[in-house]
Amino acid sequence: MEDQMNPRWGMFSNRASKQQSGSALIEVIAALVILALVSLPLIKLFTYDSIFVSYAKHDLRSVNRAQEVMEEIKALPNSLKGLALAGDSGSITLNAGENVGGIEDLSQGYMVALTGGVGAGQIRKVESYDSSSGTAFVSPDWATPPPDMETTYLLLRDRSYRDNIEITAVASSSVGLETITVTVVEQEEGNEGNTEGVSLTAEKCWW
């Protein structure tokens, strides 16, 4: 009883209580600092993960589109390819004339791709077609018009992503065999500087 009523005991008790409170505060602050140090890398990890997922989806879409175009090219008949007889800023004269794979009107959902020679890589929608002269009028105009007898072409079903496609064809040493490359380049929103694309290459026999 005397110890409990001793003023010194009360002083020691208050001092110990304050020390405990101080220690607890230090522990809380230390815990918060550790949590912050651990959380920042995790936040960055989740951010990078979402970016990688976005890129993966973008690449998968490009691969699927390139595959779709390539499969159509593999099934194309000879009448849907040829050497441009002539061309100007907004048209190309096909060498198929009236016999274009049994297609009555190329303006009904078709596009023309320049695959070799001057202007190769360009793809345009066929707006109208004059079957008597074999002239297809395209939109938009060619950046580089196909000159007479120097540019090869393919006729394909039109696609909304035609501006993202490039098709090239290189003849091999074997007669009737070409190496076809389909490239799809799509830019992610907010990443306009990205010019990388997905390319598929296959050989096609024209008989």
N, C-alpha and C. Protein backbone atom coordinates (compact mmCIF):
# COMPACT_ATOMS: atom_id res chain seq x y z
N MET A 1 0.83 -1.20 0.00
CA MET A 1 0.00 0.00 0.00
C MET A 1 0.85 1.24 0.00
N GLU A 2 1.90 1.20 0.80
CA GLU A 2 2.76 2.37 0.85
C GLU A 2 3.41 2.61 -0.49
N ASP A 3 3.83 1.51 -1.20
CA ASP A 3 4.44 1.68 -2.51
C ASP A 3 3.48 2.27 -3.52
N GLN A 4 2.23 1.83 -3.45
CA GLN A 4 1.24 2.33 -4.41
C GLN A 4 0.93 3.79 -4.18
N MET A 5 1.01 4.24 -2.92
CA MET A 5 0.69 5.62 -2.61
C MET A 5 1.92 6.51 -2.72
N ASN A 6 3.05 5.91 -2.97
CA ASN A 6 4.28 6.67 -3.10
C ASN A 6 4.24 7.48 -4.40
N PRO A 7 4.47 8.80 -4.35
CA PRO A 7 4.45 9.63 -5.56
C PRO A 7 5.43 9.15 -6.61
N ARG A 8 6.55 8.61 -6.13
CA ARG A 8 7.54 8.13 -7.11
C ARG A 8 6.99 6.99 -7.96
N TRP A 9 6.21 6.16 -7.35
CA TRP A 9 5.59 5.04 -8.09
C TRP A 9 4.70 5.57 -9.22
N GLY A 10 3.94 6.61 -8.92
CA GLY A 10 3.06 7.21 -9.94
C GLY A 10 3.86 7.80 -11.08
N MET A 11 4.99 8.42 -10.77
CA MET A 11 5.83 9.00 -11.81
C MET A 11 6.39 7.92 -12.72
N PHE A 12 6.87 6.81 -12.05
CA PHE A 12 7.39 5.71 -12.85
C PHE A 12 6.31 5.08 -13.73
N SER A 13 5.11 4.98 -13.19
CA SER A 13 3.99 4.38 -13.93
C SER A 13 3.62 5.23 -15.14
N ASN A 14 3.54 6.53 -14.97
CA ASN A 14 3.21 7.43 -16.09
C ASN A 14 4.29 7.39 -17.16
N ARG A 15 5.56 7.36 -16.68
CA ARG A 15 6.68 7.31 -17.63
C ARG A 15 6.64 6.01 -18.44
N ALA A 16 6.36 4.90 -17.79
CA ALA A 16 6.28 3.61 -18.49
C ALA A 16 5.14 3.61 -19.49
N SER A 17 4.02 4.22 -19.10
CA SER A 17 2.86 4.28 -20.00
C SER A 17 3.18 5.10 -21.24
N LYS A 18 3.87 6.23 -21.01
CA LYS A 18 4.24 7.06 -22.15
C LYS A 18 5.22 6.34 -23.07
N GLN A 19 6.15 5.60 -22.48
CA GLN A 19 7.12 4.85 -23.29
C GLN A 19 6.43 3.79 -24.13
N GLN A 20 5.43 3.13 -23.49
CA GLN A 20 4.67 2.11 -24.24
C GLN A 20 3.90 2.74 -25.39
N SER A 21 3.30 3.90 -25.10
CA SER A 21 2.54 4.60 -26.16
C SER A 21 3.47 5.03 -27.29
N GLY A 22 4.65 5.52 -26.91
CA GLY A 22 5.62 5.93 -27.93
C GLY A 22 6.08 4.75 -28.77
N SER A 23 6.31 3.64 -28.09
CA SER A 23 6.74 2.43 -28.81
C SER A 23 5.66 1.96 -29.77
N ALA A 24 4.41 2.01 -29.30
CA ALA A 24 3.29 1.58 -30.17
C ALA A 24 3.18 2.49 -31.39
N LEU A 25 3.37 3.81 -31.19
CA LEU A 25 3.29 4.75 -32.32
C LEU A 25 4.40 4.48 -33.32
N ILE A 26 5.60 4.21 -32.81
CA ILE A 26 6.73 3.90 -33.68
C ILE A 26 6.45 2.62 -34.48
N GLU A 27 5.86 1.64 -33.81
CA GLU A 27 5.54 0.39 -34.49
C GLU A 27 4.51 0.62 -35.60
N VAL A 28 3.51 1.47 -35.34
CA VAL A 28 2.48 1.77 -36.36
C VAL A 28 3.11 2.47 -37.55
N ILE A 29 3.98 3.47 -37.25
CA ILE A 29 4.65 4.19 -38.33
C ILE A 29 5.53 3.26 -39.15
N ALA A 30 6.26 2.39 -38.45
CA ALA A 30 7.13 1.42 -39.15
C ALA A 30 6.31 0.49 -40.03
N ALA A 31 5.16 0.06 -39.50
CA ALA A 31 4.28 -0.83 -40.28
C ALA A 31 3.77 -0.12 -41.53
N LEU A 32 3.41 1.17 -41.37
CA LEU A 32 2.92 1.93 -42.52
C LEU A 32 4.01 2.12 -43.58
N VAL A 33 5.23 2.37 -43.12
CA VAL A 33 6.35 2.52 -44.06
C VAL A 33 6.60 1.23 -44.81
N ILE A 34 6.59 0.12 -44.10
CA ILE A 34 6.80 -1.19 -44.74
C ILE A 34 5.68 -1.49 -45.73
N LEU A 35 4.44 -1.18 -45.34
CA LEU A 35 3.30 -1.41 -46.23
C LEU A 35 3.44 -0.58 -47.50
N ALA A 36 3.89 0.67 -47.34
CA ALA A 36 4.07 1.54 -48.52
C ALA A 36 5.15 0.99 -49.43
N LEU A 37 6.26 0.53 -48.82
CA LEU A 37 7.36 -0.01 -49.62
C LEU A 37 6.95 -1.27 -50.38
N VAL A 38 6.11 -2.08 -49.77
CA VAL A 38 5.64 -3.31 -50.41
C VAL A 38 4.56 -3.01 -51.45
N SER A 39 3.72 -2.02 -51.16
CA SER A 39 2.57 -1.73 -52.03
C SER A 39 2.98 -1.12 -53.36
N LEU A 40 3.99 -0.23 -53.35
CA LEU A 40 4.39 0.45 -54.58
C LEU A 40 4.79 -0.51 -55.69
N PRO A 41 5.67 -1.50 -55.39
CA PRO A 41 6.00 -2.46 -56.46
C PRO A 41 4.79 -3.26 -56.93
N LEU A 42 3.89 -3.58 -56.00
CA LEU A 42 2.70 -4.35 -56.38
C LEU A 42 1.80 -3.52 -57.30
N ILE A 43 1.65 -2.22 -56.98
CA ILE A 43 0.84 -1.34 -57.84
C ILE A 43 1.45 -1.27 -59.24
N LYS A 44 2.78 -1.11 -59.30
CA LYS A 44 3.46 -1.08 -60.60
C LYS A 44 3.28 -2.40 -61.34
N LEU A 45 3.35 -3.51 -60.60
CA LEU A 45 3.18 -4.83 -61.21
C LEU A 45 1.81 -4.97 -61.85
N PHE A 46 0.76 -4.54 -61.13
CA PHE A 46 -0.59 -4.62 -61.66
C PHE A 46 -0.76 -3.71 -62.86
N THR A 47 -0.11 -2.54 -62.82
CA THR A 47 -0.19 -1.60 -63.95
C THR A 47 0.46 -2.20 -65.19
N TYR A 48 1.68 -2.73 -65.01
CA TYR A 48 2.38 -3.35 -66.14
C TYR A 48 1.61 -4.57 -66.65
N ASP A 49 0.99 -5.32 -65.75
CA ASP A 49 0.23 -6.49 -66.14
C ASP A 49 -0.93 -6.11 -67.04
N SER A 50 -1.63 -5.02 -66.71
CA SER A 50 -2.76 -4.58 -67.53
C SER A 50 -2.27 -4.12 -68.90
N ILE A 51 -1.08 -3.49 -68.93
CA ILE A 51 -0.51 -3.06 -70.21
C ILE A 51 -0.16 -4.27 -71.06
N PHE A 52 0.47 -5.28 -70.46
CA PHE A 52 0.84 -6.48 -71.20
C PHE A 52 -0.39 -7.20 -71.73
N VAL A 53 -1.46 -7.24 -70.94
CA VAL A 53 -2.70 -7.87 -71.38
C VAL A 53 -3.26 -7.12 -72.58
N SER A 54 -3.20 -5.79 -72.53
CA SER A 54 -3.68 -4.98 -73.65
C SER A 54 -2.89 -5.28 -74.91
N TYR A 55 -1.54 -5.34 -74.78
CA TYR A 55 -0.71 -5.65 -75.93
C TYR A 55 -0.99 -7.05 -76.46
N ALA A 56 -1.21 -8.00 -75.55
CA ALA A 56 -1.48 -9.37 -75.96
C ALA A 56 -2.78 -9.45 -76.77
N LYS A 57 -3.81 -8.75 -76.30
CA LYS A 57 -5.07 -8.73 -77.03
C LYS A 57 -4.88 -8.10 -78.40
N HIS A 58 -4.08 -7.02 -78.43
CA HIS A 58 -3.81 -6.33 -79.69
C HIS A 58 -3.10 -7.25 -80.67
N ASP A 59 -2.07 -7.97 -80.18
CA ASP A 59 -1.32 -8.88 -81.04
C ASP A 59 -2.20 -10.04 -81.52
N LEU A 60 -3.04 -10.56 -80.64
CA LEU A 60 -3.92 -11.67 -81.01
C LEU A 60 -4.89 -11.25 -82.09
N ARG A 61 -5.43 -10.05 -81.98
CA ARG A 61 -6.36 -9.55 -82.99
C ARG A 61 -5.64 -9.40 -84.33
N SER A 62 -4.41 -8.88 -84.30
CA SER A 62 -3.65 -8.72 -85.53
C SER A 62 -3.35 -10.07 -86.18
N VAL A 63 -2.98 -11.05 -85.36
CA VAL A 63 -2.70 -12.40 -85.88
C VAL A 63 -3.95 -12.99 -86.52
N ASN A 64 -5.10 -12.85 -85.86
CA ASN A 64 -6.34 -13.40 -86.40
C ASN A 64 -6.70 -12.75 -87.73
N ARG A 65 -6.49 -11.44 -87.81
CA ARG A 65 -6.82 -10.74 -89.06
C ARG A 65 -5.86 -11.14 -90.18
N ALA A 66 -4.58 -11.23 -89.86
CA ALA A 66 -3.61 -11.66 -90.87
C ALA A 66 -3.91 -13.07 -91.35
N GLN A 67 -4.29 -13.95 -90.42
CA GLN A 67 -4.63 -15.33 -90.77
C GLN A 67 -5.86 -15.38 -91.66
N GLU A 68 -6.84 -14.55 -91.36
CA GLU A 68 -8.07 -14.51 -92.16
C GLU A 68 -7.77 -14.11 -93.60
N VAL A 69 -6.95 -13.08 -93.77
CA VAL A 69 -6.59 -12.62 -95.12
C VAL A 69 -5.78 -13.68 -95.84
N MET A 70 -4.84 -14.29 -95.13
CA MET A 70 -3.99 -15.30 -95.76
C MET A 70 -4.80 -16.50 -96.24
N GLU A 71 -5.75 -16.94 -95.43
CA GLU A 71 -6.58 -18.08 -95.82
C GLU A 71 -7.40 -17.76 -97.07
N GLU A 72 -7.86 -16.53 -97.18
CA GLU A 72 -8.62 -16.16 -98.39
C GLU A 72 -7.70 -16.17 -99.61
N ILE A 73 -6.48 -15.65 -99.45
CA ILE A 73 -5.54 -15.63 -100.57
C ILE A 73 -5.22 -17.04 -101.04
N LYS A 74 -5.04 -17.96 -100.10
CA LYS A 74 -4.74 -19.34 -100.47
C LYS A 74 -5.83 -19.96 -101.32
N ALA A 75 -7.07 -19.50 -101.12
CA ALA A 75 -8.20 -20.07 -101.85
C ALA A 75 -8.56 -19.29 -103.12
N LEU A 76 -7.83 -18.22 -103.41
CA LEU A 76 -8.18 -17.39 -104.57
C LEU A 76 -7.94 -18.13 -105.89
N PRO A 77 -8.84 -17.96 -106.85
CA PRO A 77 -8.59 -18.47 -108.21
C PRO A 77 -7.67 -17.52 -108.96
N ASN A 78 -7.08 -18.02 -110.06
CA ASN A 78 -6.16 -17.20 -110.85
C ASN A 78 -6.80 -15.93 -111.39
N SER A 79 -8.10 -15.96 -111.63
CA SER A 79 -8.78 -14.81 -112.23
C SER A 79 -8.85 -13.61 -111.30
N LEU A 80 -8.49 -13.78 -110.01
CA LEU A 80 -8.53 -12.65 -109.08
C LEU A 80 -7.14 -12.09 -108.80
N LYS A 81 -6.19 -12.43 -109.66
CA LYS A 81 -4.85 -11.84 -109.59
C LYS A 81 -4.43 -11.47 -111.00
N GLY A 82 -3.44 -10.62 -111.09
CA GLY A 82 -2.97 -10.27 -112.42
C GLY A 82 -1.98 -9.13 -112.42
N LEU A 83 -1.69 -8.63 -113.62
CA LEU A 83 -0.79 -7.51 -113.83
C LEU A 83 -1.61 -6.33 -114.31
N ALA A 84 -1.49 -5.20 -113.62
CA ALA A 84 -2.28 -4.02 -113.99
C ALA A 84 -1.91 -3.55 -115.39
N LEU A 85 -2.93 -3.43 -116.26
CA LEU A 85 -2.67 -2.96 -117.62
C LEU A 85 -2.42 -1.46 -117.64
N ALA A 86 -3.04 -0.75 -116.71
CA ALA A 86 -2.88 0.70 -116.63
C ALA A 86 -3.41 1.18 -115.30
N GLY A 87 -3.21 2.45 -115.03
CA GLY A 87 -3.73 3.01 -113.78
C GLY A 87 -3.49 4.50 -113.71
N ASP A 88 -4.30 5.16 -112.90
CA ASP A 88 -4.07 6.56 -112.61
C ASP A 88 -4.36 6.79 -111.13
N SER A 89 -4.50 8.03 -110.72
CA SER A 89 -4.62 8.33 -109.29
C SER A 89 -5.81 7.65 -108.62
N GLY A 90 -6.88 7.40 -109.38
CA GLY A 90 -8.08 6.84 -108.77
C GLY A 90 -8.61 5.57 -109.41
N SER A 91 -7.79 4.91 -110.23
CA SER A 91 -8.28 3.69 -110.89
C SER A 91 -7.15 2.74 -111.22
N ILE A 92 -7.54 1.52 -111.59
CA ILE A 92 -6.61 0.50 -112.05
C ILE A 92 -7.32 -0.33 -113.10
N THR A 93 -6.65 -0.61 -114.20
CA THR A 93 -7.23 -1.44 -115.25
C THR A 93 -6.71 -2.86 -115.08
N LEU A 94 -7.64 -3.78 -114.80
CA LEU A 94 -7.29 -5.17 -114.55
C LEU A 94 -7.13 -5.92 -115.85
N ASN A 95 -6.32 -6.98 -115.84
CA ASN A 95 -6.14 -7.75 -117.08
C ASN A 95 -7.14 -8.89 -117.19
N ALA A 96 -8.11 -8.95 -116.26
CA ALA A 96 -9.11 -10.01 -116.30
C ALA A 96 -10.30 -9.65 -117.19
N GLY A 97 -10.45 -8.36 -117.47
CA GLY A 97 -11.57 -7.93 -118.30
C GLY A 97 -12.91 -8.24 -117.65
N GLU A 98 -13.80 -8.84 -118.39
CA GLU A 98 -15.13 -9.14 -117.87
C GLU A 98 -15.14 -10.39 -116.99
N ASN A 99 -14.13 -11.27 -117.14
CA ASN A 99 -14.09 -12.51 -116.38
C ASN A 99 -13.27 -12.33 -115.11
N VAL A 100 -13.92 -11.88 -114.05
CA VAL A 100 -13.23 -11.66 -112.78
C VAL A 100 -13.77 -12.66 -111.76
N GLY A 101 -13.40 -13.90 -111.93
CA GLY A 101 -13.81 -14.93 -110.99
C GLY A 101 -15.31 -15.09 -110.87
N GLY A 102 -16.05 -14.78 -111.91
CA GLY A 102 -17.50 -14.90 -111.85
C GLY A 102 -18.18 -13.79 -111.07
N ILE A 103 -17.44 -12.77 -110.69
CA ILE A 103 -18.01 -11.64 -109.92
C ILE A 103 -18.58 -10.63 -110.90
N GLU A 104 -19.85 -10.34 -110.75
CA GLU A 104 -20.50 -9.41 -111.67
C GLU A 104 -20.12 -7.96 -111.39
N ASP A 105 -20.01 -7.60 -110.12
CA ASP A 105 -19.73 -6.21 -109.78
C ASP A 105 -18.74 -6.16 -108.61
N LEU A 106 -17.52 -5.74 -108.89
CA LEU A 106 -16.49 -5.67 -107.86
C LEU A 106 -16.77 -4.60 -106.81
N SER A 107 -17.67 -3.69 -107.11
CA SER A 107 -17.98 -2.63 -106.14
C SER A 107 -18.84 -3.15 -105.00
N GLN A 108 -19.32 -4.38 -105.12
CA GLN A 108 -20.13 -4.97 -104.07
C GLN A 108 -19.25 -5.73 -103.07
N GLY A 109 -18.50 -4.98 -102.30
CA GLY A 109 -17.74 -5.58 -101.21
C GLY A 109 -16.38 -6.14 -101.56
N TYR A 110 -15.63 -5.48 -102.47
CA TYR A 110 -14.29 -5.95 -102.82
C TYR A 110 -13.27 -4.83 -102.69
N MET A 111 -12.03 -5.26 -102.51
CA MET A 111 -10.91 -4.32 -102.48
C MET A 111 -9.79 -4.87 -103.35
N VAL A 112 -8.93 -3.96 -103.83
CA VAL A 112 -7.82 -4.36 -104.69
C VAL A 112 -6.52 -4.05 -103.94
N ALA A 113 -5.64 -5.06 -103.89
CA ALA A 113 -4.36 -4.92 -103.20
C ALA A 113 -3.23 -4.98 -104.22
N LEU A 114 -2.35 -3.98 -104.20
CA LEU A 114 -1.17 -3.99 -105.06
C LEU A 114 -0.09 -4.79 -104.35
N THR A 115 0.35 -5.87 -104.97
CA THR A 115 1.23 -6.83 -104.28
C THR A 115 2.67 -6.83 -104.74
N GLY A 116 2.97 -6.19 -105.86
CA GLY A 116 4.34 -6.18 -106.36
C GLY A 116 4.54 -5.07 -107.38
N GLY A 117 5.78 -4.62 -107.53
CA GLY A 117 6.07 -3.55 -108.48
C GLY A 117 5.82 -2.18 -107.86
N VAL A 118 5.62 -1.19 -108.72
CA VAL A 118 5.41 0.19 -108.26
C VAL A 118 4.11 0.30 -107.46
N GLY A 119 4.18 0.87 -106.29
CA GLY A 119 2.98 1.05 -105.46
C GLY A 119 2.59 -0.14 -104.62
N ALA A 120 3.45 -1.17 -104.57
CA ALA A 120 3.12 -2.38 -103.82
C ALA A 120 2.85 -2.06 -102.34
N GLY A 121 1.90 -2.79 -101.76
CA GLY A 121 1.54 -2.61 -100.37
C GLY A 121 0.27 -1.80 -100.16
N GLN A 122 -0.17 -1.08 -101.20
CA GLN A 122 -1.38 -0.27 -101.07
C GLN A 122 -2.63 -1.14 -101.27
N ILE A 123 -3.66 -0.83 -100.50
CA ILE A 123 -4.95 -1.53 -100.63
C ILE A 123 -6.06 -0.48 -100.64
N ARG A 124 -6.96 -0.61 -101.61
CA ARG A 124 -8.05 0.35 -101.74
C ARG A 124 -9.39 -0.36 -101.97
N LYS A 125 -10.44 0.28 -101.52
CA LYS A 125 -11.79 -0.23 -101.75
C LYS A 125 -12.21 0.05 -103.19
N VAL A 126 -12.87 -0.92 -103.83
CA VAL A 126 -13.40 -0.73 -105.18
C VAL A 126 -14.76 -0.04 -105.07
N GLU A 127 -14.83 1.19 -105.55
CA GLU A 127 -16.08 1.95 -105.48
C GLU A 127 -17.00 1.64 -106.65
N SER A 128 -16.41 1.46 -107.82
CA SER A 128 -17.22 1.10 -109.00
C SER A 128 -16.33 0.34 -109.98
N TYR A 129 -16.99 -0.37 -110.91
CA TYR A 129 -16.24 -1.21 -111.84
C TYR A 129 -16.87 -1.16 -113.22
N ASP A 130 -16.04 -0.87 -114.22
CA ASP A 130 -16.46 -0.87 -115.61
C ASP A 130 -15.99 -2.18 -116.23
N SER A 131 -16.91 -3.13 -116.34
CA SER A 131 -16.53 -4.46 -116.82
C SER A 131 -16.10 -4.45 -118.29
N SER A 132 -16.61 -3.50 -119.06
CA SER A 132 -16.26 -3.46 -120.49
C SER A 132 -14.77 -3.14 -120.70
N SER A 133 -14.22 -2.30 -119.82
CA SER A 133 -12.80 -1.94 -119.96
C SER A 133 -11.94 -2.61 -118.90
N GLY A 134 -12.59 -3.26 -117.92
CA GLY A 134 -11.85 -3.88 -116.84
C GLY A 134 -11.24 -2.87 -115.88
N THR A 135 -11.85 -1.69 -115.79
CA THR A 135 -11.31 -0.63 -114.94
C THR A 135 -12.04 -0.57 -113.61
N ALA A 136 -11.28 -0.66 -112.53
CA ALA A 136 -11.84 -0.53 -111.19
C ALA A 136 -11.48 0.85 -110.64
N PHE A 137 -12.50 1.57 -110.18
CA PHE A 137 -12.29 2.89 -109.59
C PHE A 137 -12.25 2.73 -108.08
N VAL A 138 -11.19 3.27 -107.47
CA VAL A 138 -10.93 2.99 -106.06
C VAL A 138 -11.10 4.23 -105.18
N SER A 139 -11.21 3.95 -103.88
CA SER A 139 -11.30 5.02 -102.88
C SER A 139 -10.56 4.58 -101.62
N PRO A 140 -9.72 5.47 -101.07
CA PRO A 140 -9.29 6.77 -101.60
C PRO A 140 -8.34 6.58 -102.77
N ASP A 141 -7.85 7.70 -103.32
CA ASP A 141 -6.92 7.61 -104.44
C ASP A 141 -5.63 6.91 -104.02
N TRP A 142 -4.93 6.37 -105.01
CA TRP A 142 -3.63 5.75 -104.76
C TRP A 142 -2.63 6.80 -104.30
N ALA A 143 -1.80 6.46 -103.34
CA ALA A 143 -0.68 7.33 -102.98
C ALA A 143 0.36 7.28 -104.10
N THR A 144 0.55 6.09 -104.68
CA THR A 144 1.42 5.90 -105.85
C THR A 144 0.63 5.10 -106.88
N PRO A 145 0.13 5.75 -107.95
CA PRO A 145 -0.68 5.03 -108.95
C PRO A 145 0.11 3.91 -109.62
N PRO A 146 -0.55 2.80 -109.94
CA PRO A 146 0.13 1.70 -110.63
C PRO A 146 0.36 2.06 -112.11
N PRO A 147 1.60 2.03 -112.58
CA PRO A 147 1.86 2.33 -114.00
C PRO A 147 1.49 1.15 -114.90
N ASP A 148 1.54 1.37 -116.19
CA ASP A 148 1.18 0.33 -117.15
C ASP A 148 2.13 -0.86 -117.05
N MET A 149 1.56 -2.05 -116.88
CA MET A 149 2.27 -3.31 -116.97
C MET A 149 3.46 -3.43 -116.01
N GLU A 150 3.36 -2.84 -114.82
CA GLU A 150 4.48 -2.91 -113.87
C GLU A 150 4.06 -3.35 -112.47
N THR A 151 2.77 -3.43 -112.22
CA THR A 151 2.30 -3.70 -110.85
C THR A 151 1.35 -4.88 -110.82
N THR A 152 1.59 -5.82 -109.92
CA THR A 152 0.69 -6.96 -109.75
C THR A 152 -0.37 -6.63 -108.69
N TYR A 153 -1.49 -7.33 -108.77
CA TYR A 153 -2.60 -7.06 -107.85
C TYR A 153 -3.33 -8.33 -107.46
N LEU A 154 -4.09 -8.24 -106.37
CA LEU A 154 -5.03 -9.28 -105.95
C LEU A 154 -6.36 -8.61 -105.65
N LEU A 155 -7.45 -9.33 -105.92
CA LEU A 155 -8.79 -8.85 -105.57
C LEU A 155 -9.32 -9.69 -104.41
N LEU A 156 -9.67 -9.01 -103.32
CA LEU A 156 -10.12 -9.69 -102.10
C LEU A 156 -11.41 -9.07 -101.59
N ARG A 157 -12.07 -9.80 -100.70
CA ARG A 157 -13.25 -9.24 -100.05
C ARG A 157 -12.83 -8.03 -99.21
N ASP A 158 -13.67 -7.01 -99.26
CA ASP A 158 -13.34 -5.78 -98.55
C ASP A 158 -13.41 -6.00 -97.04
N ARG A 159 -12.59 -5.26 -96.32
CA ARG A 159 -12.54 -5.35 -94.86
C ARG A 159 -12.48 -3.96 -94.26
N SER A 160 -13.07 -3.81 -93.09
CA SER A 160 -13.08 -2.51 -92.43
C SER A 160 -11.67 -2.09 -92.00
N TYR A 161 -10.78 -3.06 -91.83
CA TYR A 161 -9.42 -2.77 -91.39
C TYR A 161 -8.43 -2.81 -92.55
N ARG A 162 -8.90 -2.55 -93.76
CA ARG A 162 -8.04 -2.64 -94.94
C ARG A 162 -6.83 -1.70 -94.83
N ASP A 163 -7.01 -0.54 -94.16
CA ASP A 163 -5.90 0.42 -94.05
C ASP A 163 -4.77 -0.10 -93.18
N ASN A 164 -5.03 -1.17 -92.43
CA ASN A 164 -4.00 -1.74 -91.56
C ASN A 164 -3.29 -2.93 -92.19
N ILE A 165 -3.66 -3.25 -93.45
CA ILE A 165 -3.13 -4.45 -94.09
C ILE A 165 -2.11 -4.07 -95.17
N GLU A 166 -1.08 -4.88 -95.28
CA GLU A 166 -0.12 -4.81 -96.38
C GLU A 166 0.07 -6.22 -96.92
N ILE A 167 0.02 -6.36 -98.25
CA ILE A 167 0.18 -7.68 -98.87
C ILE A 167 1.25 -7.56 -99.95
N THR A 168 2.23 -8.43 -99.89
CA THR A 168 3.25 -8.46 -100.93
C THR A 168 3.39 -9.88 -101.45
N ALA A 169 3.76 -9.99 -102.72
CA ALA A 169 3.94 -11.30 -103.36
C ALA A 169 5.24 -11.29 -104.14
N VAL A 170 6.05 -12.32 -103.90
CA VAL A 170 7.34 -12.44 -104.59
C VAL A 170 7.37 -13.78 -105.31
N ALA A 171 7.61 -13.74 -106.63
CA ALA A 171 7.66 -14.97 -107.42
C ALA A 171 8.91 -15.77 -107.06
N SER A 172 8.73 -17.08 -106.96
CA SER A 172 9.87 -17.96 -106.66
C SER A 172 10.41 -18.53 -107.97
N SER A 173 11.45 -19.35 -107.86
CA SER A 173 12.06 -19.94 -109.05
C SER A 173 11.14 -20.96 -109.72
N SER A 174 10.21 -21.54 -108.94
CA SER A 174 9.27 -22.52 -109.50
C SER A 174 8.15 -21.80 -110.23
N VAL A 175 7.76 -22.30 -111.36
CA VAL A 175 6.71 -21.67 -112.16
C VAL A 175 5.38 -21.70 -111.42
N GLY A 176 4.72 -20.54 -111.33
CA GLY A 176 3.41 -20.46 -110.70
C GLY A 176 3.42 -20.38 -109.19
N LEU A 177 4.61 -20.35 -108.59
CA LEU A 177 4.70 -20.32 -107.13
C LEU A 177 5.11 -18.93 -106.66
N GLU A 178 4.40 -18.41 -105.67
CA GLU A 178 4.72 -17.11 -105.09
C GLU A 178 4.79 -17.21 -103.56
N THR A 179 5.63 -16.38 -102.99
CA THR A 179 5.68 -16.26 -101.53
C THR A 179 4.86 -15.03 -101.15
N ILE A 180 3.77 -15.27 -100.42
CA ILE A 180 2.85 -14.20 -100.03
C ILE A 180 3.11 -13.81 -98.58
N THR A 181 3.19 -12.52 -98.33
CA THR A 181 3.34 -12.01 -96.97
C THR A 181 2.19 -11.06 -96.66
N VAL A 182 1.49 -11.35 -95.59
CA VAL A 182 0.39 -10.48 -95.12
C VAL A 182 0.83 -9.86 -93.80
N THR A 183 0.82 -8.55 -93.75
CA THR A 183 1.21 -7.82 -92.54
C THR A 183 0.04 -6.97 -92.07
N VAL A 184 -0.26 -7.07 -90.79
CA VAL A 184 -1.31 -6.26 -90.18
C VAL A 184 -0.66 -5.36 -89.13
N VAL A 185 -0.80 -4.06 -89.32
CA VAL A 185 -0.23 -3.08 -88.40
C VAL A 185 -1.37 -2.28 -87.80
N GLU A 186 -1.54 -2.40 -86.49
CA GLU A 186 -2.60 -1.68 -85.80
C GLU A 186 -2.01 -0.91 -84.64
N GLN A 187 -2.42 0.34 -84.51
CA GLN A 187 -1.89 1.19 -83.44
C GLN A 187 -2.88 1.23 -82.29
N GLU A 188 -2.33 1.06 -81.09
CA GLU A 188 -3.15 1.17 -79.90
C GLU A 188 -3.44 2.64 -79.62
N GLU A 189 -4.63 2.91 -79.11
CA GLU A 189 -4.98 4.28 -78.75
C GLU A 189 -4.01 4.79 -77.70
N GLY A 190 -3.46 5.97 -77.95
CA GLY A 190 -2.49 6.55 -77.03
C GLY A 190 -1.08 6.06 -77.28
N ASN A 191 -0.90 5.21 -78.33
CA ASN A 191 0.42 4.69 -78.65
C ASN A 191 0.66 4.79 -80.15
N GLU A 192 0.40 6.02 -80.68
CA GLU A 192 0.44 6.24 -82.12
C GLU A 192 1.82 6.04 -82.72
N GLY A 193 2.85 6.08 -81.88
CA GLY A 193 4.21 5.91 -82.41
C GLY A 193 4.56 4.47 -82.70
N ASN A 194 3.75 3.53 -82.27
CA ASN A 194 4.04 2.12 -82.48
C ASN A 194 3.76 1.73 -83.92
N THR A 195 4.79 1.26 -84.63
CA THR A 195 4.63 0.88 -86.03
C THR A 195 4.91 -0.60 -86.25
N GLU A 196 5.01 -1.36 -85.17
CA GLU A 196 5.25 -2.78 -85.31
C GLU A 196 3.99 -3.48 -85.78
N GLY A 197 4.19 -4.57 -86.52
CA GLY A 197 3.04 -5.32 -87.03
C GLY A 197 3.25 -6.81 -86.89
N VAL A 198 2.21 -7.53 -87.24
CA VAL A 198 2.25 -8.99 -87.25
C VAL A 198 2.24 -9.45 -88.70
N SER A 199 3.20 -10.30 -89.07
CA SER A 199 3.32 -10.77 -90.45
C SER A 199 3.20 -12.29 -90.52
N LEU A 200 2.49 -12.73 -91.55
CA LEU A 200 2.39 -14.16 -91.86
C LEU A 200 2.86 -14.36 -93.29
N THR A 201 3.62 -15.42 -93.50
CA THR A 201 4.15 -15.71 -94.84
C THR A 201 3.79 -17.14 -95.23
N ALA A 202 3.37 -17.31 -96.48
CA ALA A 202 3.03 -18.64 -96.98
C ALA A 202 3.27 -18.68 -98.48
N GLU A 203 3.40 -19.89 -99.01
CA GLU A 203 3.58 -20.04 -100.45
C GLU A 203 2.22 -20.37 -101.09
N LYS A 204 2.01 -19.80 -102.26
CA LYS A 204 0.76 -19.99 -102.98
C LYS A 204 1.08 -20.43 -104.41
N CYS A 205 0.47 -21.53 -104.81
CA CYS A 205 0.61 -22.02 -106.19
C CYS A 205 -0.56 -21.51 -107.03
N TRP A 206 -0.24 -20.85 -108.12
CA TRP A 206 -1.27 -20.37 -109.05
C TRP A 206 -1.28 -21.30 -110.27
N TRP A 207 -2.41 -21.91 -110.49
CA TRP A 207 -2.52 -22.85 -111.62
C TRP A 207 -3.58 -22.37 -112.60
